[in-house]
């Protein structure tokens, strides 16, 4: 009986905490994250290959319309409303003829700064490799022929 009461009390506490938004909800970014400088370099007359090198592969390339590429990005901040950004490119005979969309309706630099905080900045010294050769190491081969 006491175990049942403890289990029900734990479940009630868990639901109460979840209802108070004390449970962590991460930011969710999906799709293409394009740089404004790269999009500014787009010019009519560019080939599909040049656009692919500049922007990367599109999110949506339909097999029914080979002349349209769509770059789509969604962002949801802490469980809030989903923001959808789209950028469409139209080609004619493998050359870019038109761009349209509202991908940069908001400040993209802010989005890039937000995405940077999730990348770890670990100090890396590539000259030393992955093993330490300090004198305090006990045992093992130091690479100079001495144990």
N, C-alpha and C. Protein backbone atom coordinates (compact mmCIF):
# COMPACT_ATOMS: atom_id res chain seq x y z
N UNK A 1 0.82 -1.20 0.00
CA UNK A 1 0.00 0.00 0.00
C UNK A 1 0.87 1.27 0.00
N UNK A 2 1.92 1.20 0.83
CA UNK A 2 2.80 2.37 0.93
C UNK A 2 3.54 2.59 -0.39
N UNK A 3 3.88 1.49 -1.09
CA UNK A 3 4.56 1.58 -2.38
C UNK A 3 3.64 2.23 -3.43
N UNK A 4 2.36 1.89 -3.39
CA UNK A 4 1.38 2.46 -4.31
C UNK A 4 1.24 3.96 -4.08
N UNK A 5 1.16 4.37 -2.83
CA UNK A 5 1.04 5.80 -2.51
C UNK A 5 2.29 6.55 -2.95
N UNK A 6 3.45 5.96 -2.75
CA UNK A 6 4.71 6.60 -3.16
C UNK A 6 4.76 6.75 -4.68
N UNK A 7 4.34 5.73 -5.42
CA UNK A 7 4.33 5.77 -6.88
C UNK A 7 3.35 6.83 -7.40
N UNK A 8 2.15 6.86 -6.82
CA UNK A 8 1.17 7.87 -7.24
C UNK A 8 1.65 9.28 -6.89
N UNK A 9 2.29 9.43 -5.76
CA UNK A 9 2.83 10.74 -5.38
C UNK A 9 3.94 11.19 -6.32
N UNK A 10 4.81 10.27 -6.72
CA UNK A 10 5.87 10.60 -7.67
C UNK A 10 5.30 10.98 -9.03
N UNK A 11 4.29 10.24 -9.49
CA UNK A 11 3.67 10.54 -10.78
C UNK A 11 2.98 11.90 -10.73
N UNK A 12 2.30 12.21 -9.65
CA UNK A 12 1.63 13.51 -9.51
C UNK A 12 2.65 14.64 -9.51
N UNK A 13 3.75 14.45 -8.82
CA UNK A 13 4.81 15.46 -8.78
C UNK A 13 5.42 15.66 -10.16
N UNK A 14 5.63 14.57 -10.89
CA UNK A 14 6.20 14.67 -12.24
C UNK A 14 5.27 15.44 -13.17
N UNK A 15 3.98 15.16 -13.13
CA UNK A 15 3.02 15.89 -13.97
C UNK A 15 2.93 17.36 -13.57
N UNK A 16 3.03 17.65 -12.29
CA UNK A 16 2.98 19.03 -11.82
C UNK A 16 4.20 19.81 -12.31
N UNK A 17 5.38 19.18 -12.27
CA UNK A 17 6.58 19.85 -12.75
C UNK A 17 6.54 20.06 -14.26
N UNK A 18 6.03 19.08 -14.98
CA UNK A 18 5.93 19.20 -16.43
C UNK A 18 4.95 20.32 -16.80
N UNK A 19 3.89 20.48 -16.04
CA UNK A 19 2.91 21.52 -16.31
C UNK A 19 3.42 22.91 -15.99
N UNK A 20 4.44 23.02 -15.15
CA UNK A 20 4.99 24.33 -14.77
C UNK A 20 6.16 24.75 -15.65
N UNK A 21 6.43 24.02 -16.72
CA UNK A 21 7.53 24.31 -17.63
C UNK A 21 8.87 24.32 -16.93
N UNK A 22 9.02 23.49 -15.92
CA UNK A 22 10.32 23.35 -15.28
C UNK A 22 11.16 22.30 -15.98
N UNK A 23 10.56 21.55 -16.88
CA UNK A 23 11.27 20.56 -17.66
C UNK A 23 11.93 21.28 -18.84
N UNK A 24 13.19 20.96 -19.10
CA UNK A 24 13.94 21.61 -20.17
C UNK A 24 13.37 21.26 -21.54
N UNK A 25 13.16 22.27 -22.35
CA UNK A 25 12.72 22.09 -23.73
C UNK A 25 13.76 22.75 -24.62
N UNK A 26 14.45 21.99 -25.46
CA UNK A 26 15.53 22.57 -26.26
C UNK A 26 15.01 23.37 -27.46
N UNK A 27 15.89 24.23 -27.99
CA UNK A 27 15.61 24.90 -29.25
C UNK A 27 15.78 23.87 -30.37
N UNK A 28 14.91 23.96 -31.39
CA UNK A 28 14.97 23.01 -32.49
C UNK A 28 15.17 23.79 -33.79
N UNK A 29 16.28 23.50 -34.50
CA UNK A 29 16.58 24.08 -35.80
C UNK A 29 16.66 22.94 -36.80
N UNK A 30 15.91 23.04 -37.89
CA UNK A 30 15.92 22.01 -38.92
C UNK A 30 15.99 22.67 -40.28
N UNK A 31 16.61 21.99 -41.21
CA UNK A 31 16.68 22.48 -42.58
C UNK A 31 17.97 23.20 -42.87
N UNK A 32 17.93 24.06 -43.88
CA UNK A 32 19.11 24.79 -44.32
C UNK A 32 19.34 26.03 -43.47
N UNK A 33 20.59 26.26 -43.12
CA UNK A 33 21.00 27.48 -42.45
C UNK A 33 21.95 28.20 -43.40
N UNK A 34 21.42 29.17 -44.13
CA UNK A 34 22.21 29.84 -45.16
C UNK A 34 22.78 31.14 -44.64
N UNK A 35 23.89 31.54 -45.25
CA UNK A 35 24.57 32.77 -44.91
C UNK A 35 24.10 33.86 -45.88
N UNK A 36 23.81 35.04 -45.35
CA UNK A 36 23.33 36.15 -46.18
C UNK A 36 24.36 36.54 -47.24
N UNK A 37 25.64 36.46 -46.89
CA UNK A 37 26.70 36.81 -47.85
C UNK A 37 26.69 35.87 -49.05
N UNK A 38 26.44 34.59 -48.79
CA UNK A 38 26.37 33.61 -49.88
C UNK A 38 25.16 33.88 -50.77
N UNK A 39 24.02 34.20 -50.18
CA UNK A 39 22.82 34.47 -50.96
C UNK A 39 22.99 35.75 -51.78
N UNK A 40 23.69 36.73 -51.22
CA UNK A 40 23.94 37.97 -51.96
C UNK A 40 24.81 37.74 -53.20
N UNK A 41 25.58 36.66 -53.22
CA UNK A 41 26.44 36.37 -54.37
C UNK A 41 25.69 35.72 -55.52
N UNK A 42 24.44 35.33 -55.28
CA UNK A 42 23.65 34.72 -56.35
C UNK A 42 23.35 35.75 -57.44
N UNK A 43 23.60 35.37 -58.67
CA UNK A 43 23.34 36.23 -59.82
C UNK A 43 22.59 35.45 -60.88
N UNK A 44 21.65 36.07 -61.58
CA UNK A 44 21.00 35.37 -62.70
C UNK A 44 22.04 34.95 -63.73
N UNK A 45 21.87 33.73 -64.25
CA UNK A 45 22.82 33.20 -65.22
C UNK A 45 23.79 32.18 -64.63
N UNK A 46 23.80 32.05 -63.30
CA UNK A 46 24.67 31.05 -62.67
C UNK A 46 24.13 29.65 -62.98
N UNK A 47 25.03 28.68 -63.07
CA UNK A 47 24.61 27.31 -63.33
C UNK A 47 24.17 26.65 -62.02
N UNK A 48 23.49 25.51 -62.16
CA UNK A 48 23.07 24.77 -60.97
C UNK A 48 24.27 24.33 -60.16
N UNK A 49 25.34 23.98 -60.82
CA UNK A 49 26.56 23.55 -60.13
C UNK A 49 27.14 24.68 -59.29
N UNK A 50 27.18 25.90 -59.83
CA UNK A 50 27.69 27.06 -59.09
C UNK A 50 26.82 27.36 -57.88
N UNK A 51 25.51 27.26 -58.04
CA UNK A 51 24.59 27.49 -56.92
C UNK A 51 24.77 26.41 -55.87
N UNK A 52 24.96 25.18 -56.29
CA UNK A 52 25.15 24.06 -55.37
C UNK A 52 26.43 24.25 -54.55
N UNK A 53 27.49 24.72 -55.16
CA UNK A 53 28.74 24.98 -54.44
C UNK A 53 28.55 26.15 -53.47
N UNK A 54 27.80 27.15 -53.86
CA UNK A 54 27.63 28.35 -53.05
C UNK A 54 26.68 28.13 -51.86
N UNK A 55 25.54 27.49 -52.08
CA UNK A 55 24.52 27.35 -51.03
C UNK A 55 24.41 25.95 -50.44
N UNK A 56 24.93 24.95 -51.12
CA UNK A 56 24.74 23.59 -50.66
C UNK A 56 23.49 23.00 -51.30
N UNK A 57 23.21 21.77 -50.94
CA UNK A 57 22.07 21.10 -51.56
C UNK A 57 20.75 21.64 -51.00
N UNK A 58 19.73 21.69 -51.84
CA UNK A 58 18.44 22.22 -51.39
C UNK A 58 17.70 21.21 -50.51
N UNK A 59 16.80 21.73 -49.69
CA UNK A 59 15.97 20.87 -48.86
C UNK A 59 14.98 20.09 -49.71
N UNK A 60 14.44 20.76 -50.71
CA UNK A 60 13.41 20.14 -51.55
C UNK A 60 13.79 20.33 -53.01
N UNK A 61 13.97 19.24 -53.72
CA UNK A 61 14.18 19.27 -55.17
C UNK A 61 13.23 18.22 -55.74
N UNK A 62 12.10 18.66 -56.20
CA UNK A 62 11.06 17.74 -56.65
C UNK A 62 11.45 17.08 -57.97
N UNK A 63 11.16 15.81 -58.12
CA UNK A 63 11.47 15.15 -59.40
C UNK A 63 10.53 15.58 -60.53
N UNK A 64 9.42 16.21 -60.19
CA UNK A 64 8.46 16.63 -61.21
C UNK A 64 8.80 17.99 -61.81
N UNK A 65 9.57 18.80 -61.11
CA UNK A 65 9.97 20.12 -61.61
C UNK A 65 11.46 20.28 -61.33
N UNK A 66 12.27 19.87 -62.30
CA UNK A 66 13.73 19.90 -62.13
C UNK A 66 14.28 21.33 -62.10
N UNK A 67 13.47 22.31 -62.46
CA UNK A 67 13.95 23.68 -62.54
C UNK A 67 13.63 24.52 -61.31
N UNK A 68 13.24 23.89 -60.21
CA UNK A 68 12.93 24.63 -58.98
C UNK A 68 13.60 23.95 -57.79
N UNK A 69 14.35 24.75 -57.02
CA UNK A 69 14.97 24.29 -55.78
C UNK A 69 14.42 25.11 -54.64
N UNK A 70 14.08 24.46 -53.55
CA UNK A 70 13.57 25.15 -52.37
C UNK A 70 14.48 24.88 -51.18
N UNK A 71 14.88 25.95 -50.52
CA UNK A 71 15.65 25.87 -49.29
C UNK A 71 14.69 26.25 -48.15
N UNK A 72 14.46 25.32 -47.24
CA UNK A 72 13.49 25.52 -46.18
C UNK A 72 14.18 25.34 -44.84
N UNK A 73 13.82 26.19 -43.88
CA UNK A 73 14.37 26.10 -42.54
C UNK A 73 13.25 26.34 -41.54
N UNK A 74 13.22 25.54 -40.48
CA UNK A 74 12.26 25.76 -39.41
C UNK A 74 13.02 25.96 -38.11
N UNK A 75 12.46 26.81 -37.26
CA UNK A 75 13.07 27.10 -35.97
C UNK A 75 11.96 27.17 -34.93
N UNK A 76 12.21 26.51 -33.80
CA UNK A 76 11.27 26.55 -32.68
C UNK A 76 12.08 26.84 -31.43
N UNK A 77 11.76 27.94 -30.76
CA UNK A 77 12.50 28.36 -29.57
C UNK A 77 11.76 27.92 -28.31
N UNK A 78 12.35 26.98 -27.60
CA UNK A 78 11.85 26.50 -26.30
C UNK A 78 10.38 26.10 -26.32
N UNK A 79 9.97 25.38 -27.35
CA UNK A 79 8.60 24.89 -27.41
C UNK A 79 7.60 25.93 -27.88
N UNK A 80 8.07 27.09 -28.32
CA UNK A 80 7.18 28.16 -28.78
C UNK A 80 6.67 27.90 -30.19
N UNK A 81 6.19 28.94 -30.84
CA UNK A 81 5.66 28.76 -32.19
C UNK A 81 6.78 28.45 -33.19
N UNK A 82 6.47 27.68 -34.20
CA UNK A 82 7.44 27.30 -35.22
C UNK A 82 7.52 28.41 -36.27
N UNK A 83 8.75 28.84 -36.56
CA UNK A 83 8.99 29.84 -37.60
C UNK A 83 9.51 29.11 -38.83
N UNK A 84 8.85 29.32 -39.96
CA UNK A 84 9.23 28.66 -41.21
C UNK A 84 9.79 29.70 -42.16
N UNK A 85 10.99 29.40 -42.69
CA UNK A 85 11.63 30.31 -43.66
C UNK A 85 11.84 29.55 -44.95
N UNK A 86 11.52 30.20 -46.07
CA UNK A 86 11.66 29.54 -47.36
C UNK A 86 12.43 30.44 -48.32
N UNK A 87 13.15 29.81 -49.23
CA UNK A 87 13.89 30.52 -50.26
C UNK A 87 13.86 29.64 -51.50
N UNK A 88 13.28 30.13 -52.59
CA UNK A 88 13.10 29.34 -53.80
C UNK A 88 13.95 29.88 -54.93
N UNK A 89 14.54 28.97 -55.67
CA UNK A 89 15.34 29.31 -56.85
C UNK A 89 14.69 28.68 -58.07
N UNK A 90 14.61 29.43 -59.15
CA UNK A 90 14.02 28.93 -60.39
C UNK A 90 15.09 28.95 -61.47
N UNK A 91 15.23 27.83 -62.15
CA UNK A 91 16.22 27.67 -63.21
C UNK A 91 15.52 27.51 -64.55
N UNK A 92 16.23 27.86 -65.62
CA UNK A 92 15.76 27.62 -66.97
C UNK A 92 16.96 27.13 -67.77
N UNK A 93 16.87 25.91 -68.28
CA UNK A 93 17.98 25.28 -69.00
C UNK A 93 19.27 25.29 -68.18
N UNK A 94 19.16 24.92 -66.92
CA UNK A 94 20.31 24.76 -66.02
C UNK A 94 20.97 26.09 -65.60
N UNK A 95 20.28 27.22 -65.85
CA UNK A 95 20.81 28.52 -65.40
C UNK A 95 19.78 29.21 -64.51
N UNK A 96 20.27 29.91 -63.51
CA UNK A 96 19.41 30.60 -62.55
C UNK A 96 18.73 31.79 -63.20
N UNK A 97 17.40 31.88 -63.05
CA UNK A 97 16.67 33.01 -63.62
C UNK A 97 15.96 33.85 -62.56
N UNK A 98 15.60 33.23 -61.39
CA UNK A 98 14.83 34.00 -60.41
C UNK A 98 15.03 33.43 -59.01
N UNK A 99 15.04 34.33 -58.03
CA UNK A 99 15.06 33.94 -56.62
C UNK A 99 13.89 34.62 -55.92
N UNK A 100 13.28 33.91 -54.98
CA UNK A 100 12.18 34.51 -54.22
C UNK A 100 12.10 33.84 -52.86
N UNK A 101 11.60 34.56 -51.89
CA UNK A 101 11.41 33.97 -50.57
C UNK A 101 11.69 34.96 -49.46
N UNK A 102 11.39 34.52 -48.24
CA UNK A 102 11.54 35.38 -47.07
C UNK A 102 12.51 34.76 -46.06
N UNK A 103 13.55 34.10 -46.56
CA UNK A 103 14.47 33.41 -45.68
C UNK A 103 15.15 34.35 -44.70
N UNK A 104 15.44 35.54 -45.12
CA UNK A 104 16.13 36.50 -44.27
C UNK A 104 15.21 37.61 -43.79
N UNK A 105 13.95 37.27 -43.53
CA UNK A 105 13.02 38.26 -43.01
C UNK A 105 13.44 38.71 -41.62
N UNK A 106 14.03 37.79 -40.84
CA UNK A 106 14.56 38.16 -39.53
C UNK A 106 16.07 38.24 -39.62
N UNK A 107 16.70 38.64 -38.53
CA UNK A 107 18.13 38.84 -38.50
C UNK A 107 18.86 37.50 -38.53
N UNK A 108 19.55 37.15 -39.64
CA UNK A 108 20.21 35.85 -39.72
C UNK A 108 21.46 35.78 -38.83
N UNK A 109 22.10 36.91 -38.59
CA UNK A 109 23.28 36.90 -37.73
C UNK A 109 22.91 36.44 -36.32
N UNK A 110 21.74 36.83 -35.85
CA UNK A 110 21.29 36.39 -34.54
C UNK A 110 21.09 34.87 -34.52
N UNK A 111 20.52 34.32 -35.59
CA UNK A 111 20.32 32.89 -35.69
C UNK A 111 21.66 32.15 -35.71
N UNK A 112 22.65 32.70 -36.43
CA UNK A 112 23.97 32.07 -36.46
C UNK A 112 24.64 32.13 -35.10
N UNK A 113 24.48 33.25 -34.37
CA UNK A 113 25.05 33.34 -33.03
C UNK A 113 24.41 32.32 -32.10
N UNK A 114 23.11 32.15 -32.23
CA UNK A 114 22.41 31.18 -31.39
C UNK A 114 22.91 29.78 -31.71
N UNK A 115 23.13 29.47 -32.98
CA UNK A 115 23.60 28.14 -33.34
C UNK A 115 25.04 27.92 -32.92
N UNK A 116 25.85 28.97 -32.81
CA UNK A 116 27.24 28.85 -32.39
C UNK A 116 27.37 28.42 -30.95
N UNK A 117 26.42 28.74 -30.11
CA UNK A 117 26.53 28.41 -28.70
C UNK A 117 26.45 26.92 -28.44
N UNK A 118 25.99 26.15 -29.45
CA UNK A 118 25.90 24.71 -29.28
C UNK A 118 27.17 23.99 -29.73
N UNK A 119 28.09 24.70 -30.34
CA UNK A 119 29.33 24.10 -30.79
C UNK A 119 30.37 24.23 -29.68
N UNK A 120 31.02 23.16 -29.40
CA UNK A 120 32.02 23.17 -28.33
C UNK A 120 33.32 23.77 -28.86
N UNK A 121 33.95 24.59 -28.06
CA UNK A 121 35.23 25.19 -28.40
C UNK A 121 36.31 24.53 -27.57
N UNK A 122 36.82 23.41 -28.08
CA UNK A 122 37.87 22.69 -27.38
C UNK A 122 39.22 23.14 -27.90
N UNK A 123 40.16 23.42 -27.01
CA UNK A 123 41.50 23.79 -27.48
C UNK A 123 42.17 22.57 -28.12
N UNK A 124 42.67 22.75 -29.33
CA UNK A 124 43.30 21.65 -30.05
C UNK A 124 44.70 22.08 -30.45
N UNK A 125 45.68 21.24 -30.11
CA UNK A 125 47.05 21.46 -30.55
C UNK A 125 47.41 20.30 -31.45
N UNK A 126 47.31 20.49 -32.76
CA UNK A 126 47.49 19.40 -33.70
C UNK A 126 48.94 18.98 -33.84
N UNK A 127 49.88 19.76 -33.34
CA UNK A 127 51.28 19.39 -33.46
C UNK A 127 51.66 18.29 -32.49
N UNK A 128 50.94 18.13 -31.37
CA UNK A 128 51.28 17.13 -30.37
C UNK A 128 50.61 15.79 -30.62
N UNK A 129 49.59 15.74 -31.40
CA UNK A 129 48.88 14.49 -31.60
C UNK A 129 47.92 14.22 -30.47
N UNK A 130 47.54 12.95 -30.32
CA UNK A 130 46.55 12.63 -29.31
C UNK A 130 47.14 12.02 -28.05
N UNK A 131 48.48 11.88 -27.97
CA UNK A 131 49.08 11.31 -26.77
C UNK A 131 50.10 12.29 -26.20
N UNK A 132 50.12 12.36 -24.89
CA UNK A 132 51.06 13.24 -24.21
C UNK A 132 52.41 12.54 -24.09
N UNK A 133 53.49 13.29 -24.29
CA UNK A 133 54.84 12.75 -24.16
C UNK A 133 55.57 13.40 -23.00
N UNK A 134 54.81 13.80 -21.97
CA UNK A 134 55.43 14.44 -20.82
C UNK A 134 56.21 13.41 -20.00
N UNK A 135 57.12 13.85 -19.16
CA UNK A 135 57.99 12.98 -18.38
C UNK A 135 57.27 12.27 -17.25
N UNK A 136 56.05 12.67 -16.86
CA UNK A 136 55.37 12.05 -15.74
C UNK A 136 54.65 10.76 -16.12
N UNK A 137 54.60 10.43 -17.41
CA UNK A 137 53.89 9.21 -17.82
C UNK A 137 54.65 8.00 -17.32
N UNK A 138 53.94 7.09 -16.68
CA UNK A 138 54.60 5.89 -16.20
C UNK A 138 54.37 4.76 -17.17
N UNK A 139 55.46 4.11 -17.57
CA UNK A 139 55.35 2.98 -18.46
C UNK A 139 55.02 3.41 -19.88
N UNK A 140 54.89 2.44 -20.74
CA UNK A 140 54.52 2.71 -22.12
C UNK A 140 55.72 3.07 -22.96
N UNK A 141 55.51 3.13 -24.25
CA UNK A 141 56.57 3.44 -25.18
C UNK A 141 56.51 4.92 -25.50
N UNK A 142 57.62 5.63 -25.35
CA UNK A 142 57.64 7.07 -25.62
C UNK A 142 57.99 7.38 -27.04
N UNK A 143 58.30 6.37 -27.86
CA UNK A 143 58.56 6.61 -29.26
C UNK A 143 60.03 6.81 -29.53
N UNK A 144 60.93 6.85 -28.52
CA UNK A 144 62.35 7.06 -28.76
C UNK A 144 63.15 5.79 -28.56
N UNK A 145 62.47 4.64 -28.45
CA UNK A 145 63.15 3.36 -28.30
C UNK A 145 63.35 2.97 -26.85
N UNK A 146 63.01 3.83 -25.93
CA UNK A 146 63.18 3.51 -24.51
C UNK A 146 61.82 3.22 -23.89
N UNK A 147 61.72 2.20 -23.03
CA UNK A 147 60.43 1.88 -22.43
C UNK A 147 60.02 2.85 -21.37
